[in-house]
């Protein structure tokens, strides 16, 4: 008698899982970078990044700082600021003769250029 009263969920659950999987993969493929049916805007973006990097490497110069100052954050060092901003450590020390890595305080302004 138990065989006659089976729940329809025993059939619907696997069917719903299959439909979900198909929809999931259809969404992934349609939004993917260069996959079937997808656009390749992601590929274009990474190509632009490679071009900018290779141009910077050819010129041999670091990117010019965008800001005239840098606001120190907790845990910053002069070397860390130099690598974050693209300004050499020597230049930062030249512009900020009183700055000391062990004495930096959060909120302090460091000159990056004149």
PDB file of N, CA and C in Angstrom:
ATOM      1  N   UNK A   1       0.808  -1.172   0.000  1.00  0.00           N
ATOM      2  CA  UNK A   1       0.000   0.000   0.000  1.00  0.00           C
ATOM      3  C   UNK A   1       0.870   1.261   0.000  1.00  0.00           C
ATOM      4  N   UNK A   2       2.077   1.204   0.588  1.00  0.00           N
ATOM      5  CA  UNK A   2       2.960   2.352   0.653  1.00  0.00           C
ATOM      6  C   UNK A   2       3.430   2.744  -0.737  1.00  0.00           C
ATOM      7  N   UNK A   3       3.561   1.787  -1.678  1.00  0.00           N
ATOM      8  CA  UNK A   3       4.013   2.086  -3.027  1.00  0.00           C
ATOM      9  C   UNK A   3       3.011   2.961  -3.765  1.00  0.00           C
ATOM     10  N   UNK A   4       1.729   2.833  -3.458  1.00  0.00           N
ATOM     11  CA  UNK A   4       0.703   3.600  -4.148  1.00  0.00           C
ATOM     12  C   UNK A   4       0.643   5.049  -3.654  1.00  0.00           C
ATOM     13  N   UNK A   5       1.169   5.348  -2.490  1.00  0.00           N
ATOM     14  CA  UNK A   5       1.073   6.687  -1.922  1.00  0.00           C
ATOM     15  C   UNK A   5       2.414   7.422  -1.929  1.00  0.00           C
ATOM     16  N   UNK A   6       3.228   7.206  -2.915  1.00  0.00           N
ATOM     17  CA  UNK A   6       4.518   7.893  -3.010  1.00  0.00           C
ATOM     18  C   UNK A   6       4.308   9.381  -3.223  1.00  0.00           C
ATOM     19  N   UNK A   7       5.177  10.155  -2.614  1.00  0.00           N
ATOM     20  CA  UNK A   7       5.096  11.608  -2.715  1.00  0.00           C
ATOM     21  C   UNK A   7       5.622  12.065  -4.083  1.00  0.00           C
ATOM     22  N   UNK A   8       4.954  13.037  -4.685  1.00  0.00           N
ATOM     23  CA  UNK A   8       5.446  13.539  -5.978  1.00  0.00           C
ATOM     24  C   UNK A   8       6.798  14.252  -5.837  1.00  0.00           C
ATOM     25  N   UNK A   9       7.192  14.616  -4.629  1.00  0.00           N
ATOM     26  CA  UNK A   9       8.481  15.274  -4.408  1.00  0.00           C
ATOM     27  C   UNK A   9       9.640  14.356  -4.763  1.00  0.00           C
ATOM     28  N   UNK A  10       9.428  13.037  -4.705  1.00  0.00           N
ATOM     29  CA  UNK A  10      10.494  12.090  -5.041  1.00  0.00           C
ATOM     30  C   UNK A  10      10.869  12.189  -6.515  1.00  0.00           C
ATOM     31  N   UNK A  11       9.959  12.645  -7.344  1.00  0.00           N
ATOM     32  CA  UNK A  11      10.238  12.815  -8.771  1.00  0.00           C
ATOM     33  C   UNK A  11      10.584  14.282  -9.056  1.00  0.00           C
ATOM     34  N   UNK A  12       9.886  15.200  -8.408  1.00  0.00           N
ATOM     35  CA  UNK A  12      10.092  16.617  -8.678  1.00  0.00           C
ATOM     36  C   UNK A  12      11.440  17.152  -8.187  1.00  0.00           C
ATOM     37  N   UNK A  13      11.964  16.632  -7.091  1.00  0.00           N
ATOM     38  CA  UNK A  13      13.235  17.131  -6.550  1.00  0.00           C
ATOM     39  C   UNK A  13      14.399  16.916  -7.529  1.00  0.00           C
ATOM     40  N   UNK A  14      14.604  15.716  -8.042  1.00  0.00           N
ATOM     41  CA  UNK A  14      15.703  15.540  -9.012  1.00  0.00           C
ATOM     42  C   UNK A  14      15.467  16.335 -10.306  1.00  0.00           C
ATOM     43  N   UNK A  15      14.197  16.433 -10.714  1.00  0.00           N
ATOM     44  CA  UNK A  15      13.871  17.194 -11.915  1.00  0.00           C
ATOM     45  C   UNK A  15      14.198  18.678 -11.702  1.00  0.00           C
ATOM     46  N   UNK A  16      13.847  19.225 -10.550  1.00  0.00           N
ATOM     47  CA  UNK A  16      14.136  20.621 -10.239  1.00  0.00           C
ATOM     48  C   UNK A  16      15.650  20.855 -10.166  1.00  0.00           C
ATOM     49  N   UNK A  17      16.388  19.918  -9.623  1.00  0.00           N
ATOM     50  CA  UNK A  17      17.840  20.028  -9.551  1.00  0.00           C
ATOM     51  C   UNK A  17      18.443  20.070 -10.952  1.00  0.00           C
ATOM     52  N   UNK A  18      17.951  19.241 -11.842  1.00  0.00           N
ATOM     53  CA  UNK A  18      18.434  19.232 -13.222  1.00  0.00           C
ATOM     54  C   UNK A  18      18.142  20.542 -13.936  1.00  0.00           C
ATOM     55  N   UNK A  19      16.939  21.070 -13.758  1.00  0.00           N
ATOM     56  CA  UNK A  19      16.568  22.342 -14.381  1.00  0.00           C
ATOM     57  C   UNK A  19      17.454  23.465 -13.822  1.00  0.00           C
ATOM     58  N   UNK A  20      17.672  23.464 -12.522  1.00  0.00           N
ATOM     59  CA  UNK A  20      18.528  24.465 -11.909  1.00  0.00           C
ATOM     60  C   UNK A  20      19.938  24.408 -12.494  1.00  0.00           C
ATOM     61  N   UNK A  21      20.484  23.206 -12.652  1.00  0.00           N
ATOM     62  CA  UNK A  21      21.831  23.054 -13.208  1.00  0.00           C
ATOM     63  C   UNK A  21      21.895  23.598 -14.633  1.00  0.00           C
ATOM     64  N   UNK A  22      20.889  23.309 -15.450  1.00  0.00           N
ATOM     65  CA  UNK A  22      20.873  23.817 -16.823  1.00  0.00           C
ATOM     66  C   UNK A  22      20.815  25.341 -16.860  1.00  0.00           C
ATOM     67  N   UNK A  23      19.961  25.933 -16.048  1.00  0.00           N
ATOM     68  CA  UNK A  23      19.841  27.388 -16.002  1.00  0.00           C
ATOM     69  C   UNK A  23      21.145  28.006 -15.502  1.00  0.00           C
ATOM     70  N   UNK A  24      21.735  27.404 -14.492  1.00  0.00           N
ATOM     71  CA  UNK A  24      22.991  27.903 -13.936  1.00  0.00           C
ATOM     72  C   UNK A  24      24.086  27.937 -15.005  1.00  0.00           C
ATOM     73  N   UNK A  25      24.273  26.848 -15.724  1.00  0.00           N
ATOM     74  CA  UNK A  25      25.309  26.803 -16.749  1.00  0.00           C
ATOM     75  C   UNK A  25      24.986  27.720 -17.924  1.00  0.00           C
ATOM     76  N   UNK A  26      23.715  27.890 -18.252  1.00  0.00           N
ATOM     77  CA  UNK A  26      23.345  28.812 -19.325  1.00  0.00           C
ATOM     78  C   UNK A  26      23.713  30.244 -18.946  1.00  0.00           C
ATOM     79  N   UNK A  27      23.491  30.615 -17.697  1.00  0.00           N
ATOM     80  CA  UNK A  27      23.844  31.962 -17.238  1.00  0.00           C
ATOM     81  C   UNK A  27      25.355  32.143 -17.238  1.00  0.00           C
ATOM     82  N   UNK A  28      26.079  31.159 -16.757  1.00  0.00           N
ATOM     83  CA  UNK A  28      27.537  31.241 -16.711  1.00  0.00           C
ATOM     84  C   UNK A  28      28.103  31.382 -18.114  1.00  0.00           C
ATOM     85  N   UNK A  29      27.641  30.583 -19.048  1.00  0.00           N
ATOM     86  CA  UNK A  29      28.164  30.633 -20.413  1.00  0.00           C
ATOM     87  C   UNK A  29      27.797  31.928 -21.121  1.00  0.00           C
ATOM     88  N   UNK A  30      26.625  32.471 -20.860  1.00  0.00           N
ATOM     89  CA  UNK A  30      26.231  33.700 -21.546  1.00  0.00           C
ATOM     90  C   UNK A  30      26.942  34.927 -20.986  1.00  0.00           C
ATOM     91  N   UNK A  31      27.428  34.876 -19.748  1.00  0.00           N
ATOM     92  CA  UNK A  31      28.122  36.026 -19.173  1.00  0.00           C
ATOM     93  C   UNK A  31      29.625  35.845 -19.151  1.00  0.00           C
ATOM     94  N   UNK A  32      30.114  34.708 -19.574  1.00  0.00           N
ATOM     95  CA  UNK A  32      31.543  34.413 -19.517  1.00  0.00           C
ATOM     96  C   UNK A  32      32.348  35.235 -20.481  1.00  0.00           C
ATOM     97  N   UNK A  33      33.657  35.329 -20.221  1.00  0.00           N
ATOM     98  CA  UNK A  33      34.566  36.098 -21.067  1.00  0.00           C
ATOM     99  C   UNK A  33      35.019  35.301 -22.267  1.00  0.00           C
ATOM    100  N   UNK A  34      34.353  35.446 -23.394  1.00  0.00           N
ATOM    101  CA  UNK A  34      34.783  34.820 -24.622  1.00  0.00           C
ATOM    102  C   UNK A  34      34.255  33.414 -24.827  1.00  0.00           C
ATOM    103  N   UNK A  35      33.440  32.903 -23.950  1.00  0.00           N
ATOM    104  CA  UNK A  35      32.867  31.574 -24.128  1.00  0.00           C
ATOM    105  C   UNK A  35      31.788  31.594 -25.190  1.00  0.00           C
ATOM    106  N   UNK A  36      31.178  30.422 -25.499  1.00  0.00           N
ATOM    107  CA  UNK A  36      30.115  30.383 -26.490  1.00  0.00           C
ATOM    108  C   UNK A  36      28.967  31.305 -26.096  1.00  0.00           C
ATOM    109  N   UNK A  37      28.630  32.224 -26.980  1.00  0.00           N
ATOM    110  CA  UNK A  37      27.510  33.126 -26.722  1.00  0.00           C
ATOM    111  C   UNK A  37      27.873  34.292 -25.830  1.00  0.00           C
ATOM    112  N   UNK A  38      29.110  34.356 -25.347  1.00  0.00           N
ATOM    113  CA  UNK A  38      29.500  35.442 -24.448  1.00  0.00           C
ATOM    114  C   UNK A  38      30.281  36.499 -25.193  1.00  0.00           C
ATOM    115  N   UNK A  39      30.404  37.663 -24.592  1.00  0.00           N
ATOM    116  CA  UNK A  39      31.235  38.692 -25.198  1.00  0.00           C
ATOM    117  C   UNK A  39      32.646  38.549 -24.656  1.00  0.00           C
ATOM    118  N   UNK A  40      33.599  39.202 -25.285  1.00  0.00           N
ATOM    119  CA  UNK A  40      34.961  39.092 -24.804  1.00  0.00           C
ATOM    120  C   UNK A  40      35.474  40.421 -24.281  1.00  0.00           C
ATOM    121  N   UNK A  41      34.599  41.147 -23.562  1.00  0.00           N
ATOM    122  CA  UNK A  41      35.020  42.416 -22.980  1.00  0.00           C
ATOM    123  C   UNK A  41      36.070  42.190 -21.907  1.00  0.00           C
ATOM    124  N   UNK A  42      36.008  41.074 -21.204  1.00  0.00           N
ATOM    125  CA  UNK A  42      37.026  40.760 -20.204  1.00  0.00           C
ATOM    126  C   UNK A  42      38.384  40.570 -20.852  1.00  0.00           C
ATOM    127  N   UNK A  43      38.409  39.954 -22.023  1.00  0.00           N
ATOM    128  CA  UNK A  43      39.667  39.765 -22.735  1.00  0.00           C
ATOM    129  C   UNK A  43      40.219  41.097 -23.203  1.00  0.00           C
ATOM    130  N   UNK A  44      39.344  41.994 -23.652  1.00  0.00           N
ATOM    131  CA  UNK A  44      39.803  43.309 -24.091  1.00  0.00           C
ATOM    132  C   UNK A  44      40.372  44.093 -22.925  1.00  0.00           C
ATOM    133  N   UNK A  45      39.744  44.003 -21.751  1.00  0.00           N
ATOM    134  CA  UNK A  45      40.224  44.727 -20.585  1.00  0.00           C
ATOM    135  C   UNK A  45      41.597  44.251 -20.152  1.00  0.00           C
ATOM    136  N   UNK A  46      41.814  42.930 -20.143  1.00  0.00           N
ATOM    137  CA  UNK A  46      43.119  42.426 -19.737  1.00  0.00           C
ATOM    138  C   UNK A  46      44.171  42.755 -20.784  1.00  0.00           C
ATOM    139  N   UNK A  47      43.779  42.824 -22.049  1.00  0.00           N
ATOM    140  CA  UNK A  47      44.729  43.203 -23.094  1.00  0.00           C
ATOM    141  C   UNK A  47      45.171  44.649 -22.909  1.00  0.00           C
ATOM    142  N   UNK A  48      44.246  45.520 -22.549  1.00  0.00           N
ATOM    143  CA  UNK A  48      44.589  46.921 -22.307  1.00  0.00           C
ATOM    144  C   UNK A  48      45.538  47.035 -21.116  1.00  0.00           C
ATOM    145  N   UNK A  49      45.304  46.247 -20.088  1.00  0.00           N
ATOM    146  CA  UNK A  49      46.176  46.277 -18.914  1.00  0.00           C
ATOM    147  C   UNK A  49      47.582  45.795 -19.286  1.00  0.00           C
ATOM    148  N   UNK A  50      47.664  44.751 -20.104  1.00  0.00           N
ATOM    149  CA  UNK A  50      48.975  44.264 -20.543  1.00  0.00           C
ATOM    150  C   UNK A  50      49.700  45.313 -21.369  1.00  0.00           C
ATOM    151  N   UNK A  51      48.971  46.014 -22.233  1.00  0.00           N
ATOM    152  CA  UNK A  51      49.578  47.048 -23.072  1.00  0.00           C
ATOM    153  C   UNK A  51      50.128  48.170 -22.215  1.00  0.00           C
ATOM    154  N   UNK A  52      49.362  48.635 -21.235  1.00  0.00           N
ATOM    155  CA  UNK A  52      49.821  49.712 -20.357  1.00  0.00           C
ATOM    156  C   UNK A  52      51.053  49.272 -19.573  1.00  0.00           C
ATOM    157  N   UNK A  53      51.053  48.034 -19.098  1.00  0.00           N
ATOM    158  CA  UNK A  53      52.191  47.521 -18.346  1.00  0.00           C
ATOM    159  C   UNK A  53      53.420  47.424 -19.227  1.00  0.00           C
ATOM    160  N   UNK A  54      53.256  46.920 -20.457  1.00  0.00           N
ATOM    161  CA  UNK A  54      54.411  46.772 -21.331  1.00  0.00           C
ATOM    162  C   UNK A  54      54.952  48.130 -21.745  1.00  0.00           C
ATOM    163  N   UNK A  55      54.090  49.128 -21.923  1.00  0.00           N
ATOM    164  CA  UNK A  55      54.571  50.468 -22.251  1.00  0.00           C
ATOM    165  C   UNK A  55      55.364  51.045 -21.082  1.00  0.00           C
ATOM    166  N   UNK A  56      54.911  50.818 -19.867  1.00  0.00           N
ATOM    167  CA  UNK A  56      55.615  51.307 -18.689  1.00  0.00           C
ATOM    168  C   UNK A  56      56.970  50.634 -18.566  1.00  0.00           C
ATOM    169  N   UNK A  57      57.032  49.325 -18.878  1.00  0.00           N
ATOM    170  CA  UNK A  57      58.288  48.601 -18.778  1.00  0.00           C
ATOM    171  C   UNK A  57      59.281  49.091 -19.825  1.00  0.00           C
ATOM    172  N   UNK A  58      58.795  49.425 -21.020  1.00  0.00           N
ATOM    173  CA  UNK A  58      59.688  49.895 -22.073  1.00  0.00           C
ATOM    174  C   UNK A  58      60.294  51.241 -21.734  1.00  0.00           C
ATOM    175  N   UNK A  59      59.516  52.123 -21.146  1.00  0.00           N
ATOM    176  CA  UNK A  59      60.045  53.447 -20.814  1.00  0.00           C
ATOM    177  C   UNK A  59      60.953  53.386 -19.604  1.00  0.00           C
ATOM    178  N   UNK A  60      60.784  52.370 -18.763  1.00  0.00           N
ATOM    179  CA  UNK A  60      61.651  52.187 -17.611  1.00  0.00           C
ATOM    180  C   UNK A  60      61.351  53.109 -16.443  1.00  0.00           C
ATOM    181  N   UNK A  61      60.270  53.846 -16.501  1.00  0.00           N
ATOM    182  CA  UNK A  61      59.960  54.752 -15.398  1.00  0.00           C
ATOM    183  C   UNK A  61      58.714  54.279 -14.670  1.00  0.00           C
ATOM    184  N   UNK A  62      58.680  54.597 -13.402  1.00  0.00           N
ATOM    185  CA  UNK A  62      57.512  54.242 -12.591  1.00  0.00           C
ATOM    186  C   UNK A  62      56.380  55.205 -12.919  1.00  0.00           C
ATOM    187  N   UNK A  63      55.137  54.803 -12.650  1.00  0.00           N
ATOM    188  CA  UNK A  63      54.025  55.710 -12.911  1.00  0.00           C
ATOM    189  C   UNK A  63      54.154  56.972 -12.066  1.00  0.00           C
ATOM    190  N   UNK A  64      53.845  58.100 -12.638  1.00  0.00           N
ATOM    191  CA  UNK A  64      53.952  59.371 -11.940  1.00  0.00           C
ATOM    192  C   UNK A  64      52.872  59.459 -10.863  1.00  0.00           C
ATOM    193  N   UNK A  65      53.219  59.951  -9.692  1.00  0.00           N
ATOM    194  CA  UNK A  65      52.210  60.040  -8.632  1.00  0.00           C
ATOM    195  C   UNK A  65      51.092  60.991  -9.033  1.00  0.00           C
ATOM    196  N   UNK A  66      49.874  60.611  -8.716  1.00  0.00           N
ATOM    197  CA  UNK A  66      48.705  61.421  -9.048  1.00  0.00           C
ATOM    198  C   UNK A  66      48.483  62.522  -8.017  1.00  0.00           C
ATOM    199  N   UNK A  67      48.929  62.255  -6.797  1.00  0.00           N
ATOM    200  CA  UNK A  67      48.670  63.197  -5.713  1.00  0.00           C
ATOM    201  C   UNK A  67      49.966  63.843  -5.252  1.00  0.00           C
ATOM    202  N   UNK A  68      49.828  65.007  -4.667  1.00  0.00           N
ATOM    203  CA  UNK A  68      50.992  65.711  -4.134  1.00  0.00           C
ATOM    204  C   UNK A  68      51.346  65.212  -2.743  1.00  0.00           C
ATOM    205  N   UNK A  69      50.360  64.652  -2.018  1.00  0.00           N
ATOM    206  CA  UNK A  69      50.618  64.144  -0.667  1.00  0.00           C
ATOM    207  C   UNK A  69      49.985  62.776  -0.494  1.00  0.00           C
ATOM    208  N   UNK A  70      50.418  62.086   0.533  1.00  0.00           N
ATOM    209  CA  UNK A  70      49.851  60.794   0.919  1.00  0.00           C
ATOM    210  C   UNK A  70      49.515  60.875   2.395  1.00  0.00           C
ATOM    211  N   UNK A  71      48.325  60.418   2.755  1.00  0.00           N
ATOM    212  CA  UNK A  71      47.923  60.396   4.160  1.00  0.00           C
ATOM    213  C   UNK A  71      48.291  59.041   4.752  1.00  0.00           C
ATOM    214  N   UNK A  72      49.103  59.052   5.778  1.00  0.00           N
ATOM    215  CA  UNK A  72      49.600  57.834   6.406  1.00  0.00           C
ATOM    216  C   UNK A  72      48.446  57.070   7.057  1.00  0.00           C
ATOM    217  N   UNK A  73      48.467  55.758   6.865  1.00  0.00           N
ATOM    218  CA  UNK A  73      47.498  54.861   7.492  1.00  0.00           C
ATOM    219  C   UNK A  73      48.226  54.020   8.542  1.00  0.00           C
ATOM    220  N   UNK A  74      47.468  53.412   9.440  1.00  0.00           N
ATOM    221  CA  UNK A  74      48.053  52.585  10.487  1.00  0.00           C
ATOM    222  C   UNK A  74      48.880  51.468   9.844  1.00  0.00           C
ATOM    223  N   UNK A  75      50.106  51.312  10.300  1.00  0.00           N
ATOM    224  CA  UNK A  75      50.979  50.250   9.811  1.00  0.00           C
ATOM    225  C   UNK A  75      51.828  50.636   8.606  1.00  0.00           C
ATOM    226  N   UNK A  76      51.653  51.837   8.069  1.00  0.00           N
ATOM    227  CA  UNK A  76      52.442  52.277   6.916  1.00  0.00           C
ATOM    228  C   UNK A  76      53.900  52.500   7.311  1.00  0.00           C
ATOM    229  N   UNK A  77      54.784  52.253   6.356  1.00  0.00           N
ATOM    230  CA  UNK A  77      56.198  52.595   6.470  1.00  0.00           C
ATOM    231  C   UNK A  77      56.557  53.434   5.258  1.00  0.00           C
ATOM    232  N   UNK A  78      57.686  54.108   5.300  1.00  0.00           N
ATOM    233  CA  UNK A  78      58.094  54.909   4.148  1.00  0.00           C
ATOM    234  C   UNK A  78      58.320  54.028   2.918  1.00  0.00           C
ATOM    235  N   UNK A  79      58.895  52.856   3.126  1.00  0.00           N
ATOM    236  CA  UNK A  79      59.093  51.925   2.012  1.00  0.00           C
ATOM    237  C   UNK A  79      57.776  51.446   1.427  1.00  0.00           C
ATOM    238  N   UNK A  80      56.812  51.172   2.282  1.00  0.00           N
ATOM    239  CA  UNK A  80      55.485  50.757   1.822  1.00  0.00           C
ATOM    240  C   UNK A  80      54.777  51.858   1.065  1.00  0.00           C
ATOM    241  N   UNK A  81      54.922  53.087   1.543  1.00  0.00           N
ATOM    242  CA  UNK A  81      54.321  54.228   0.857  1.00  0.00           C
ATOM    243  C   UNK A  81      54.965  54.392  -0.514  1.00  0.00           C
ATOM    244  N   UNK A  82      56.284  54.210  -0.570  1.00  0.00           N
ATOM    245  CA  UNK A  82      57.004  54.325  -1.843  1.00  0.00           C
ATOM    246  C   UNK A  82      56.486  53.301  -2.852  1.00  0.00           C
ATOM    247  N   UNK A  83      56.303  52.070  -2.421  1.00  0.00           N
ATOM    248  CA  UNK A  83      55.819  51.046  -3.362  1.00  0.00           C
ATOM    249  C   UNK A  83      54.359  51.270  -3.746  1.00  0.00           C
ATOM    250  N   UNK A  84      53.543  51.790  -2.834  1.00  0.00           N
ATOM    251  CA  UNK A  84      52.132  52.058  -3.146  1.00  0.00           C
ATOM    252  C   UNK A  84      51.969  53.195  -4.141  1.00  0.00           C
ATOM    253  N   UNK A  85      52.828  54.204  -4.022  1.00  0.00           N
ATOM    254  CA  UNK A  85      52.645  55.423  -4.810  1.00  0.00           C
ATOM    255  C   UNK A  85      53.512  55.500  -6.056  1.00  0.00           C
ATOM    256  N   UNK A  86      54.543  54.665  -6.142  1.00  0.00           N
ATOM    257  CA  UNK A  86      55.429  54.708  -7.295  1.00  0.00           C
ATOM    258  C   UNK A  86      56.518  55.762  -7.170  1.00  0.00           C
ATOM    259  N   UNK A  87      56.641  56.383  -6.009  1.00  0.00           N
ATOM    260  CA  UNK A  87      57.681  57.370  -5.751  1.00  0.00           C
ATOM    261  C   UNK A  87      58.820  56.645  -5.034  1.00  0.00           C
ATOM    262  N   UNK A  88      60.057  56.947  -5.411  1.00  0.00           N
ATOM    263  CA  UNK A  88      61.178  56.258  -4.770  1.00  0.00           C
ATOM    264  C   UNK A  88      61.295  56.659  -3.304  1.00  0.00           C
ATOM    265  N   UNK A  89      61.828  55.752  -2.519  1.00  0.00           N
ATOM    266  CA  UNK A  89      62.033  56.009  -1.097  1.00  0.00           C
ATOM    267  C   UNK A  89      62.959  57.209  -0.910  1.00  0.00           C
ATOM    268  N   UNK A  90      63.984  57.297  -1.736  1.00  0.00           N
ATOM    269  CA  UNK A  90      64.923  58.413  -1.637  1.00  0.00           C
ATOM    270  C   UNK A  90      64.215  59.746  -1.875  1.00  0.00           C
ATOM    271  N   UNK A  91      63.303  59.769  -2.858  1.00  0.00           N
ATOM    272  CA  UNK A  91      62.567  61.011  -3.158  1.00  0.00           C
ATOM    273  C   UNK A  91      61.648  61.389  -1.990  1.00  0.00           C
ATOM    274  N   UNK A  92      60.986  60.403  -1.399  1.00  0.00           N
ATOM    275  CA  UNK A  92      60.114  60.670  -0.248  1.00  0.00           C
ATOM    276  C   UNK A  92      60.943  61.224   0.911  1.00  0.00           C
ATOM    277  N   UNK A  93      62.119  60.639   1.154  1.00  0.00           N
ATOM    278  CA  UNK A  93      62.978  61.119   2.240  1.00  0.00           C
ATOM    279  C   UNK A  93      63.519  62.515   1.942  1.00  0.00           C
ATOM    280  N   UNK A  94      63.786  62.787   0.671  1.00  0.00           N
ATOM    281  CA  UNK A  94      64.266  64.112   0.280  1.00  0.00           C
ATOM    282  C   UNK A  94      63.188  65.177   0.505  1.00  0.00           C
ATOM    283  N   UNK A  95      61.936  64.860   0.174  1.00  0.00           N
ATOM    284  CA  UNK A  95      60.838  65.801   0.330  1.00  0.00           C
ATOM    285  C   UNK A  95      60.362  65.924   1.781  1.00  0.00           C
ATOM    286  N   UNK A  96      60.626  64.893   2.582  1.00  0.00           N
ATOM    287  CA  UNK A  96      60.175  64.848   3.975  1.00  0.00           C
ATOM    288  C   UNK A  96      61.358  64.511   4.881  1.00  0.00           C
ATOM    289  N   UNK A  97      62.304  65.442   5.060  1.00  0.00           N
ATOM    290  CA  UNK A  97      63.529  65.128   5.801  1.00  0.00           C
ATOM    291  C   UNK A  97      63.290  64.747   7.265  1.00  0.00           C
ATOM    292  N   UNK A  98      62.202  65.193   7.844  1.00  0.00           N
ATOM    293  CA  UNK A  98      61.934  64.875   9.250  1.00  0.00           C
ATOM    294  C   UNK A  98      61.122  63.590   9.418  1.00  0.00           C
ATOM    295  N   UNK A  99      60.667  63.005   8.322  1.00  0.00           N
ATOM    296  CA  UNK A  99      59.854  61.786   8.405  1.00  0.00           C
ATOM    297  C   UNK A  99      60.739  60.590   8.748  1.00  0.00           C
ATOM    298  N   UNK A 100      60.245  59.758   9.654  1.00  0.00           N
ATOM    299  CA  UNK A 100      60.952  58.561  10.088  1.00  0.00           C
ATOM    300  C   UNK A 100      59.950  57.415  10.122  1.00  0.00           C
ATOM    301  N   UNK A 101      60.295  56.272   9.516  1.00  0.00           N
ATOM    302  CA  UNK A 101      59.361  55.145   9.450  1.00  0.00           C
ATOM    303  C   UNK A 101      58.854  54.721  10.819  1.00  0.00           C
ATOM    304  N   UNK A 102      59.713  54.804  11.813  1.00  0.00           N
ATOM    305  CA  UNK A 102      59.292  54.359  13.145  1.00  0.00           C
ATOM    306  C   UNK A 102      58.454  55.415  13.870  1.00  0.00           C
ATOM    307  N   UNK A 103      58.403  56.630  13.332  1.00  0.00           N
ATOM    308  CA  UNK A 103      57.664  57.714  13.976  1.00  0.00           C
ATOM    309  C   UNK A 103      56.403  58.122  13.210  1.00  0.00           C
ATOM    310  N   UNK A 104      56.049  57.407  12.140  1.00  0.00           N
ATOM    311  CA  UNK A 104      54.868  57.777  11.360  1.00  0.00           C
ATOM    312  C   UNK A 104      53.603  57.593  12.184  1.00  0.00           C
ATOM    313  N   UNK A 105      52.672  58.521  12.028  1.00  0.00           N
ATOM    314  CA  UNK A 105      51.401  58.447  12.740  1.00  0.00           C
ATOM    315  C   UNK A 105      50.258  58.486  11.737  1.00  0.00           C
ATOM    316  N   UNK A 106      49.210  57.720  12.002  1.00  0.00           N
ATOM    317  CA  UNK A 106      48.043  57.714  11.121  1.00  0.00           C
ATOM    318  C   UNK A 106      47.495  59.133  11.003  1.00  0.00           C
ATOM    319  N   UNK A 107      47.202  59.539   9.752  1.00  0.00           N
ATOM    320  CA  UNK A 107      46.683  60.873   9.511  1.00  0.00           C
ATOM    321  C   UNK A 107      47.751  61.872   9.097  1.00  0.00           C
ATOM    322  N   UNK A 108      49.015  61.534   9.320  1.00  0.00           N
ATOM    323  CA  UNK A 108      50.129  62.410   8.951  1.00  0.00           C
ATOM    324  C   UNK A 108      50.199  62.518   7.432  1.00  0.00           C
ATOM    325  N   UNK A 109      50.540  63.692   6.908  1.00  0.00           N
ATOM    326  CA  UNK A 109      50.675  63.906   5.474  1.00  0.00           C
ATOM    327  C   UNK A 109      52.140  63.793   5.075  1.00  0.00           C
ATOM    328  N   UNK A 110      52.379  63.030   3.998  1.00  0.00           N
ATOM    329  CA  UNK A 110      53.720  62.864   3.451  1.00  0.00           C
ATOM    330  C   UNK A 110      53.719  63.460   2.057  1.00  0.00           C
ATOM    331  N   UNK A 111      54.686  64.332   1.757  1.00  0.00           N
ATOM    332  CA  UNK A 111      54.794  64.921   0.422  1.00  0.00           C
ATOM    333  C   UNK A 111      55.308  63.888  -0.562  1.00  0.00           C
ATOM    334  N   UNK A 112      54.666  63.842  -1.735  1.00  0.00           N
ATOM    335  CA  UNK A 112      55.106  62.941  -2.793  1.00  0.00           C
ATOM    336  C   UNK A 112      55.780  63.688  -3.936  1.00  0.00           C
ATOM    337  N   UNK A 113      55.460  64.952  -4.068  1.00  0.00           N
ATOM    338  CA  UNK A 113      56.082  65.796  -5.081  1.00  0.00           C
ATOM    339  C   UNK A 113      55.950  67.244  -4.648  1.00  0.00           C
ATOM    340  N   UNK A 114      56.728  68.102  -5.317  1.00  0.00           N
ATOM    341  CA  UNK A 114      56.687  69.536  -4.957  1.00  0.00           C
ATOM    342  C   UNK A 114      55.614  70.251  -5.705  1.00  0.00           C
TER     343      UNK A 114
END
